[in-house]
């Protein structure tokens, strides 16, 4: 299992990113096996005030979702041998209040539609344009407040 802020192997919650006053902590789980791009996304998410968790497998993603109940789950399509829609369903069973954003370099349209039907709040091209990612996080962060 990989995790960005701390390994929290003792069962404790990862160290929180600094938050602007009056803003609730935001935890994002990044599920991807593309380490070079993922590192840049982790830095971007931290710059937006998120506590960042990272998983490279379906098993790790499910465990971290159960344990930390992230606000956002950023899920790359090729995780779990391309069965990300099935994984997303499992993640939402574990934490129905999470906002899942799927990502893929070249998704077939049927898969985008299927992901949204199953509960994804957005589907971004991989690697994500940081302006689009920020917009998705801002929009869905507002919509999911108080959930």
Protein backbone atom coordinates (compact mmCIF):
# COMPACT_ATOMS: atom_id res chain seq x y z
CA UNK A 1 0.00 0.00 0.00
CA UNK A 2 1.29 3.46 -0.87
CA UNK A 3 0.34 6.64 0.86
CA UNK A 4 1.71 10.11 0.29
CA UNK A 5 1.55 11.94 3.61
CA UNK A 6 2.52 9.15 5.99
CA UNK A 7 2.26 5.40 6.02
CA UNK A 8 -0.08 5.50 9.02
CA UNK A 9 0.66 1.82 9.62
CA UNK A 10 -0.20 2.33 13.27
CA UNK A 11 -3.86 2.94 12.34
CA UNK A 12 -3.68 6.70 12.76
CA UNK A 13 -4.98 9.17 10.19
CA UNK A 14 -2.38 10.69 7.84
CA UNK A 15 -1.06 14.10 8.69
CA UNK A 16 -3.50 16.75 7.44
CA UNK A 17 -2.51 19.32 4.84
CA UNK A 18 -2.79 22.89 6.07
CA UNK A 19 -6.29 24.24 5.48
CA UNK A 20 -7.46 27.81 5.04
CA UNK A 21 -9.42 28.94 8.10
CA UNK A 22 -13.05 27.86 8.05
CA UNK A 23 -12.48 25.16 5.44
CA UNK A 24 -13.08 21.50 6.24
CA UNK A 25 -10.19 19.09 5.58
CA UNK A 26 -10.31 17.42 2.18
CA UNK A 27 -8.82 13.98 1.67
CA UNK A 28 -8.20 12.70 -1.84
CA UNK A 29 -7.32 9.14 -2.75
CA UNK A 30 -5.38 8.86 -6.01
CA UNK A 31 -5.63 5.37 -7.51
CA UNK A 32 -3.09 4.96 -10.31
CA UNK A 33 -0.04 2.98 -11.30
CA UNK A 34 1.50 5.80 -13.39
CA UNK A 35 4.03 7.02 -10.83
CA UNK A 36 5.64 9.87 -12.82
CA UNK A 37 2.36 11.67 -13.54
CA UNK A 38 0.90 10.67 -10.20
CA UNK A 39 3.72 12.50 -8.38
CA UNK A 40 2.79 15.74 -10.13
CA UNK A 41 -0.88 15.24 -9.28
CA UNK A 42 -0.01 14.62 -5.63
CA UNK A 43 1.90 17.91 -5.52
CA UNK A 44 -1.01 19.71 -7.21
CA UNK A 45 -3.58 18.26 -4.80
CA UNK A 46 -1.43 19.18 -1.80
CA UNK A 47 -1.14 22.74 -3.17
CA UNK A 48 -4.96 22.83 -3.17
CA UNK A 49 -5.04 21.93 0.54
CA UNK A 50 -5.82 18.23 0.16
CA UNK A 51 -4.46 15.43 2.28
CA UNK A 52 -3.32 12.97 -0.38
CA UNK A 53 -3.44 9.19 -0.20
CA UNK A 54 -2.17 7.01 -3.04
CA UNK A 55 -2.96 3.42 -3.99
CA UNK A 56 -1.61 1.36 -6.89
CA UNK A 57 -4.00 -1.60 -6.64
CA UNK A 58 -7.69 -2.31 -6.14
CA UNK A 59 -6.96 -4.00 -2.82
CA UNK A 60 -5.07 -0.96 -1.51
CA UNK A 61 -7.76 1.43 -2.78
CA UNK A 62 -10.51 -0.51 -1.00
CA UNK A 63 -8.54 -0.69 2.24
CA UNK A 64 -7.74 3.03 2.19
CA UNK A 65 -11.33 3.95 1.35
CA UNK A 66 -12.60 1.92 4.31
CA UNK A 67 -9.99 3.39 6.62
CA UNK A 68 -9.91 7.06 5.62
CA UNK A 69 -13.27 7.79 3.91
CA UNK A 70 -11.81 10.22 1.33
CA UNK A 71 -13.76 13.18 -0.01
CA UNK A 72 -12.48 12.51 -3.54
CA UNK A 73 -11.37 9.32 -5.25
CA UNK A 74 -9.38 9.98 -8.42
CA UNK A 75 -9.42 6.67 -10.25
CA UNK A 76 -7.36 5.84 -13.34
CA UNK A 77 -9.08 3.45 -15.75
CA UNK A 78 -6.23 0.93 -16.11
CA UNK A 79 -6.04 0.09 -12.40
CA UNK A 80 -7.24 -3.44 -11.67
CA UNK A 81 -6.49 -4.58 -15.23
CA UNK A 82 -8.88 -2.08 -16.81
CA UNK A 83 -11.79 -2.98 -14.55
CA UNK A 84 -12.03 0.46 -12.94
CA UNK A 85 -15.82 0.71 -13.28
CA UNK A 86 -16.21 -2.44 -11.18
CA UNK A 87 -13.69 -1.11 -8.68
CA UNK A 88 -15.51 2.22 -8.55
CA UNK A 89 -18.74 0.42 -7.62
CA UNK A 90 -16.93 -1.38 -4.80
CA UNK A 91 -15.37 1.86 -3.57
CA UNK A 92 -18.77 3.58 -3.51
CA UNK A 93 -20.23 0.67 -1.53
CA UNK A 94 -17.48 1.28 1.05
CA UNK A 95 -17.99 5.08 1.04
CA UNK A 96 -21.09 6.31 -0.77
CA UNK A 97 -20.34 9.96 0.02
CA UNK A 98 -17.10 10.05 -1.99
CA UNK A 99 -16.94 11.99 -5.25
CA UNK A 100 -15.28 9.70 -7.80
CA UNK A 101 -13.48 11.23 -10.77
CA UNK A 102 -12.46 8.67 -13.39
CA UNK A 103 -9.50 9.29 -15.71
CA UNK A 104 -8.28 7.66 -18.92
CA UNK A 105 -6.09 8.58 -21.89
CA UNK A 106 -8.54 7.40 -24.54
CA UNK A 107 -11.80 6.12 -23.07
CA UNK A 108 -14.48 4.67 -25.33
CA UNK A 109 -17.68 6.72 -25.04
CA UNK A 110 -19.66 3.74 -23.74
CA UNK A 111 -17.25 3.49 -20.81
CA UNK A 112 -17.61 7.16 -19.91
CA UNK A 113 -21.40 6.76 -19.95
CA UNK A 114 -21.16 3.57 -17.87
CA UNK A 115 -18.88 5.25 -15.30
CA UNK A 116 -21.31 8.15 -14.86
CA UNK A 117 -24.26 5.74 -14.56
CA UNK A 118 -22.38 3.87 -11.84
CA UNK A 119 -21.68 7.04 -9.86
CA UNK A 120 -18.64 8.89 -11.23
CA UNK A 121 -19.15 12.64 -10.92
CA UNK A 122 -16.71 13.38 -13.76
CA UNK A 123 -14.47 11.71 -16.33
CA UNK A 124 -11.23 13.46 -17.26
CA UNK A 125 -8.65 12.69 -19.91
CA UNK A 126 -5.31 11.34 -18.62
CA UNK A 127 -3.02 12.99 -17.87
CA UNK A 128 -5.50 15.54 -16.57
CA UNK A 129 -5.21 19.18 -17.46
CA UNK A 130 -4.70 20.80 -14.04
CA UNK A 131 -7.19 23.61 -14.77
CA UNK A 132 -9.89 21.05 -15.56
CA UNK A 133 -8.97 18.99 -12.52
CA UNK A 134 -9.14 22.07 -10.28
CA UNK A 135 -12.51 22.99 -11.77
CA UNK A 136 -13.86 19.47 -11.18
CA UNK A 137 -12.59 19.47 -7.59
CA UNK A 138 -14.08 22.92 -6.92
CA UNK A 139 -17.46 22.15 -8.49
CA UNK A 140 -17.85 18.73 -6.92
CA UNK A 141 -16.40 19.87 -3.60
CA UNK A 142 -19.19 22.45 -3.39
CA UNK A 143 -21.85 19.92 -4.44
CA UNK A 144 -20.64 17.31 -1.95
CA UNK A 145 -20.41 19.67 1.05
CA UNK A 146 -22.43 18.34 3.93
CA UNK A 147 -22.93 14.93 2.36
